[in-house]
Amino acid sequence: MIRQVLAMDMNGLGLFRLIKGKMDWLTQRQEVVAHNIANADTPGYQPSDLTPFTFRAALGNAARLPQAQTSAGHLTGTATGGGPAREVTERKPYETAPDGNGVVLEEQLLKISRTGTEYNMAINLYRKHMGLIRTAIGRAG
């Protein structure tokens, strides 16, 4: 049994799939922000960003399961089925260079910092849950 648990693909578990999705999104965002910084001197370049990662969107249909009404007296609920994440309209940058470039390096550096912090949090969450699984099957460490 222990060998079966160890051989199991952890990405099949919901929490690990969500953590992996978040880490993939953070990796892609880091690439987009790096591209923005690389084009900080390109005339007319406008920075871009990804649609925010939300766990509701990552869960997809699992987050919108209908509730079972086990008694006529129970309320049916008012949950609406939200769709996938929408594109966020880019705001006008605070600063625009005379050549039309809209990259504000301070904003991009802040995004890099936040992305790194969120990535570290996801890694730590992954490690903690792996430790819990190891403890549950009797293999501490």
C-alpha atoms as a PDB file:
ATOM      1  CA  MET A   1       0.000   0.000   0.000  1.00  0.00           C
ATOM      2  CA  ILE A   2       2.782   2.416   0.876  1.00  0.00           C
ATOM      3  CA  ARG A   3       4.418   1.786  -2.497  1.00  0.00           C
ATOM      4  CA  GLN A   4       1.129   2.581  -4.226  1.00  0.00           C
ATOM      5  CA  VAL A   5       0.887   5.910  -2.403  1.00  0.00           C
ATOM      6  CA  LEU A   6       4.502   6.764  -3.190  1.00  0.00           C
ATOM      7  CA  ALA A   7       4.069   5.833  -6.852  1.00  0.00           C
ATOM      8  CA  MET A   8       0.873   7.913  -7.127  1.00  0.00           C
ATOM      9  CA  ASP A   9       1.089  11.023  -9.263  1.00  0.00           C
ATOM     10  CA  MET A  10       0.669  13.946  -6.866  1.00  0.00           C
ATOM     11  CA  ASN A  11      -0.709  16.117  -9.681  1.00  0.00           C
ATOM     12  CA  GLY A  12      -3.831  13.948  -9.583  1.00  0.00           C
ATOM     13  CA  LEU A  13      -4.702  15.411  -6.194  1.00  0.00           C
ATOM     14  CA  GLY A  14      -6.742  18.597  -6.388  1.00  0.00           C
ATOM     15  CA  LEU A  15      -4.576  20.722  -4.124  1.00  0.00           C
ATOM     16  CA  PHE A  16      -1.371  19.810  -5.915  1.00  0.00           C
ATOM     17  CA  ARG A  17      -3.000  20.456  -9.302  1.00  0.00           C
ATOM     18  CA  LEU A  18      -4.025  23.937  -8.117  1.00  0.00           C
ATOM     19  CA  ILE A  19      -0.568  24.686  -6.733  1.00  0.00           C
ATOM     20  CA  LYS A  20       1.019  23.565 -10.005  1.00  0.00           C
ATOM     21  CA  GLY A  21      -1.431  25.754 -11.957  1.00  0.00           C
ATOM     22  CA  LYS A  22      -0.540  28.754  -9.806  1.00  0.00           C
ATOM     23  CA  MET A  23       3.184  28.106 -10.230  1.00  0.00           C
ATOM     24  CA  ASP A  24       2.780  27.774 -14.011  1.00  0.00           C
ATOM     25  CA  TRP A  25       0.866  31.073 -14.087  1.00  0.00           C
ATOM     26  CA  LEU A  26       3.564  32.773 -11.997  1.00  0.00           C
ATOM     27  CA  THR A  27       6.286  31.478 -14.323  1.00  0.00           C
ATOM     28  CA  GLN A  28       4.437  32.805 -17.358  1.00  0.00           C
ATOM     29  CA  ARG A  29       3.830  36.144 -15.642  1.00  0.00           C
ATOM     30  CA  GLN A  30       7.524  36.481 -14.850  1.00  0.00           C
ATOM     31  CA  GLU A  31       8.249  36.019 -18.575  1.00  0.00           C
ATOM     32  CA  VAL A  32       5.690  38.665 -19.565  1.00  0.00           C
ATOM     33  CA  VAL A  33       7.064  41.188 -17.066  1.00  0.00           C
ATOM     34  CA  ALA A  34      10.642  40.465 -18.190  1.00  0.00           C
ATOM     35  CA  HIS A  35       9.490  41.104 -21.769  1.00  0.00           C
ATOM     36  CA  ASN A  36       7.990  44.429 -20.652  1.00  0.00           C
ATOM     37  CA  ILE A  37      11.266  45.448 -19.013  1.00  0.00           C
ATOM     38  CA  ALA A  38      13.276  44.371 -22.055  1.00  0.00           C
ATOM     39  CA  ASN A  39      11.134  46.709 -24.174  1.00  0.00           C
ATOM     40  CA  ALA A  40      11.363  49.667 -21.796  1.00  0.00           C
ATOM     41  CA  ASP A  41      13.124  51.716 -24.499  1.00  0.00           C
ATOM     42  CA  THR A  42      11.090  50.532 -27.494  1.00  0.00           C
ATOM     43  CA  PRO A  43       9.140  53.443 -28.984  1.00  0.00           C
ATOM     44  CA  GLY A  44       5.368  52.973 -28.736  1.00  0.00           C
ATOM     45  CA  TYR A  45       5.572  49.758 -26.689  1.00  0.00           C
ATOM     46  CA  GLN A  46       2.752  49.239 -24.215  1.00  0.00           C
ATOM     47  CA  PRO A  47       3.238  46.833 -21.286  1.00  0.00           C
ATOM     48  CA  SER A  48       1.057  43.785 -20.927  1.00  0.00           C
ATOM     49  CA  ASP A  49       0.122  41.461 -18.093  1.00  0.00           C
ATOM     50  CA  LEU A  50      -1.749  38.207 -17.638  1.00  0.00           C
ATOM     51  CA  THR A  51      -5.322  37.806 -16.545  1.00  0.00           C
ATOM     52  CA  PRO A  52      -5.193  37.334 -12.758  1.00  0.00           C
ATOM     53  CA  PHE A  53      -5.029  33.730 -11.561  1.00  0.00           C
ATOM     54  CA  THR A  54      -7.994  32.826  -9.391  1.00  0.00           C
ATOM     55  CA  PHE A  55      -8.628  29.515  -7.732  1.00  0.00           C
ATOM     56  CA  ARG A  56     -12.289  29.742  -8.733  1.00  0.00           C
ATOM     57  CA  ALA A  57     -11.331  29.820 -12.403  1.00  0.00           C
ATOM     58  CA  ALA A  58      -8.699  27.109 -11.864  1.00  0.00           C
ATOM     59  CA  LEU A  59     -11.263  24.829 -10.293  1.00  0.00           C
ATOM     60  CA  GLY A  60     -13.470  25.225 -13.346  1.00  0.00           C
ATOM     61  CA  ASN A  61     -16.699  23.265 -13.165  1.00  0.00           C
ATOM     62  CA  ALA A  62     -15.806  21.743  -9.797  1.00  0.00           C
ATOM     63  CA  ALA A  63     -16.460  25.122  -8.182  1.00  0.00           C
ATOM     64  CA  ARG A  64     -19.957  25.284  -9.682  1.00  0.00           C
ATOM     65  CA  LEU A  65     -21.377  21.958  -8.647  1.00  0.00           C
ATOM     66  CA  PRO A  66     -25.102  22.225  -8.031  1.00  0.00           C
ATOM     67  CA  GLN A  67     -26.198  21.852  -4.445  1.00  0.00           C
ATOM     68  CA  ALA A  68     -28.502  18.983  -3.624  1.00  0.00           C
ATOM     69  CA  GLN A  69     -31.811  19.997  -2.122  1.00  0.00           C
ATOM     70  CA  THR A  70     -32.611  17.198   0.326  1.00  0.00           C
ATOM     71  CA  SER A  71     -35.747  18.786   1.736  1.00  0.00           C
ATOM     72  CA  ALA A  72     -38.459  21.008   0.287  1.00  0.00           C
ATOM     73  CA  GLY A  73     -37.773  23.500   3.087  1.00  0.00           C
ATOM     74  CA  HIS A  74     -34.122  24.018   2.075  1.00  0.00           C
ATOM     75  CA  LEU A  75     -33.136  27.096   0.125  1.00  0.00           C
ATOM     76  CA  THR A  76     -31.888  26.494  -3.403  1.00  0.00           C
ATOM     77  CA  GLY A  77     -29.127  29.091  -3.212  1.00  0.00           C
ATOM     78  CA  THR A  78     -28.212  31.952  -5.485  1.00  0.00           C
ATOM     79  CA  ALA A  79     -24.825  30.860  -6.840  1.00  0.00           C
ATOM     80  CA  THR A  80     -24.226  31.981 -10.364  1.00  0.00           C
ATOM     81  CA  GLY A  81     -22.046  30.119 -12.772  1.00  0.00           C
ATOM     82  CA  GLY A  82     -19.117  32.405 -13.456  1.00  0.00           C
ATOM     83  CA  GLY A  83     -17.227  31.915 -16.659  1.00  0.00           C
ATOM     84  CA  PRO A  84     -13.490  31.770 -17.204  1.00  0.00           C
ATOM     85  CA  ALA A  85     -11.352  34.718 -16.206  1.00  0.00           C
ATOM     86  CA  ARG A  86     -11.790  37.735 -18.417  1.00  0.00           C
ATOM     87  CA  GLU A  87      -9.089  39.952 -19.761  1.00  0.00           C
ATOM     88  CA  VAL A  88      -8.381  42.915 -17.558  1.00  0.00           C
ATOM     89  CA  THR A  89      -8.416  46.207 -19.409  1.00  0.00           C
ATOM     90  CA  GLU A  90      -5.072  47.868 -19.089  1.00  0.00           C
ATOM     91  CA  ARG A  91      -5.156  51.234 -17.463  1.00  0.00           C
ATOM     92  CA  LYS A  92      -3.272  54.125 -18.921  1.00  0.00           C
ATOM     93  CA  PRO A  93       0.196  54.266 -17.365  1.00  0.00           C
ATOM     94  CA  TYR A  94       1.008  57.135 -15.046  1.00  0.00           C
ATOM     95  CA  GLU A  95       3.983  57.958 -17.157  1.00  0.00           C
ATOM     96  CA  THR A  96       4.391  57.757 -20.885  1.00  0.00           C
ATOM     97  CA  ALA A  97       7.681  58.555 -22.547  1.00  0.00           C
ATOM     98  CA  PRO A  98       7.694  61.132 -25.357  1.00  0.00           C
ATOM     99  CA  ASP A  99       8.163  58.242 -27.808  1.00  0.00           C
ATOM    100  CA  GLY A 100       4.903  56.627 -26.594  1.00  0.00           C
ATOM    101  CA  ASN A 101       6.493  53.886 -24.465  1.00  0.00           C
ATOM    102  CA  GLY A 102       4.260  53.093 -21.490  1.00  0.00           C
ATOM    103  CA  VAL A 103       6.601  50.862 -19.440  1.00  0.00           C
ATOM    104  CA  VAL A 104       7.069  52.159 -15.902  1.00  0.00           C
ATOM    105  CA  LEU A 105      10.043  50.273 -14.525  1.00  0.00           C
ATOM    106  CA  GLU A 106       8.993  50.735 -10.895  1.00  0.00           C
ATOM    107  CA  GLU A 107       5.643  49.042 -11.592  1.00  0.00           C
ATOM    108  CA  GLN A 108       7.326  46.173 -13.424  1.00  0.00           C
ATOM    109  CA  LEU A 109       9.839  45.659 -10.600  1.00  0.00           C
ATOM    110  CA  LEU A 110       6.978  45.586  -8.104  1.00  0.00           C
ATOM    111  CA  LYS A 111       5.271  42.886 -10.207  1.00  0.00           C
ATOM    112  CA  ILE A 112       8.497  40.853 -10.254  1.00  0.00           C
ATOM    113  CA  SER A 113       8.781  41.126  -6.478  1.00  0.00           C
ATOM    114  CA  ARG A 114       5.167  40.089  -5.887  1.00  0.00           C
ATOM    115  CA  THR A 115       5.485  37.214  -8.347  1.00  0.00           C
ATOM    116  CA  GLY A 116       8.597  35.925  -6.580  1.00  0.00           C
ATOM    117  CA  THR A 117       6.919  36.158  -3.188  1.00  0.00           C
ATOM    118  CA  GLU A 118       3.823  34.292  -4.411  1.00  0.00           C
ATOM    119  CA  TYR A 119       6.022  31.629  -6.043  1.00  0.00           C
ATOM    120  CA  ASN A 120       7.871  31.059  -2.756  1.00  0.00           C
ATOM    121  CA  MET A 121       4.539  30.788  -0.949  1.00  0.00           C
ATOM    122  CA  ALA A 122       3.321  28.170  -3.436  1.00  0.00           C
ATOM    123  CA  ILE A 123       6.531  26.162  -3.047  1.00  0.00           C
ATOM    124  CA  ASN A 124       6.240  26.254   0.747  1.00  0.00           C
ATOM    125  CA  LEU A 125       2.605  25.184   0.575  1.00  0.00           C
ATOM    126  CA  TYR A 126       3.587  22.282  -1.679  1.00  0.00           C
ATOM    127  CA  ARG A 127       6.368  21.222   0.710  1.00  0.00           C
ATOM    128  CA  LYS A 128       4.104  21.372   3.758  1.00  0.00           C
ATOM    129  CA  HIS A 129       1.456  19.207   2.143  1.00  0.00           C
ATOM    130  CA  MET A 130       4.052  16.705   0.938  1.00  0.00           C
ATOM    131  CA  GLY A 131       5.266  16.506   4.541  1.00  0.00           C
ATOM    132  CA  LEU A 132       1.717  15.861   5.735  1.00  0.00           C
ATOM    133  CA  ILE A 133       1.303  13.048   3.211  1.00  0.00           C
ATOM    134  CA  ARG A 134       4.622  11.514   4.246  1.00  0.00           C
ATOM    135  CA  THR A 135       3.588  11.683   7.889  1.00  0.00           C
ATOM    136  CA  ALA A 136       0.216  10.114   7.092  1.00  0.00           C
ATOM    137  CA  ILE A 137       1.823   7.117   5.403  1.00  0.00           C
ATOM    138  CA  GLY A 138       4.445   6.774   8.132  1.00  0.00           C
ATOM    139  CA  ARG A 139       7.497   8.161   6.394  1.00  0.00           C
ATOM    140  CA  ALA A 140       8.589  11.275   8.240  1.00  0.00           C
ATOM    141  CA  GLY A 141      11.164  13.479   6.581  1.00  0.00           C
END
